[in-house]
Amino acid sequence: MTTAPFPSELAPLTLSYRPDLGVLTVRWLRDVTFEELQEGFRSASALSHTHQATCWLVDVRRRVMLDAFQSEWVAQRLLPEMAATLAPDPLFVAYLLAPARVENIRLEPALRATVAQAEHSSQAYRLRTFADEGPAMQWLLAQQQPSHE
């Protein structure tokens, strides 16, 4: 397993790549500012490029604060850019959500719209949300099979 250090003891995330599974894990450890979000995903992108990782497990269960702007930036800017750089290979992203976050998305129209748009088949990437890591990993591993759609 390859890990990427983050420059502080109070790092907002851990990054790791499992070559045996072909999965890049981005595990957010706390709520973050927009700048930390961008920096964290820049580090994830670099690790992804190093390993040509097209399957990402993004764990946001420890991030309590929801921000439609941050979510929209990830869905509309970061992930399409990553998908373009990994092309022709597709980018698959499994998002792990805490139950409270699922409920907030259900109740807040802006977040609900952002998630629906991110999961739409017209995106340059494929994203699904999960409440449990097991099914998320199963979905990612299934995407690596020749007939994944």
Foldseek 3Di string as FASTA:
>chain_A
DDWDDDDDPVQQWTWDADPVQLEIETEGQEADDLVSLVVSLVVSLVVCVVSLRQEYEYECARYDDDDLVSLLCCQPPVQLVSLVVSPPDAHEYEYAYAPVVVVVLVVDVSSVVSVCSSCDPVGSHHYDYDNDPVVSSVLRSLCPDPPND
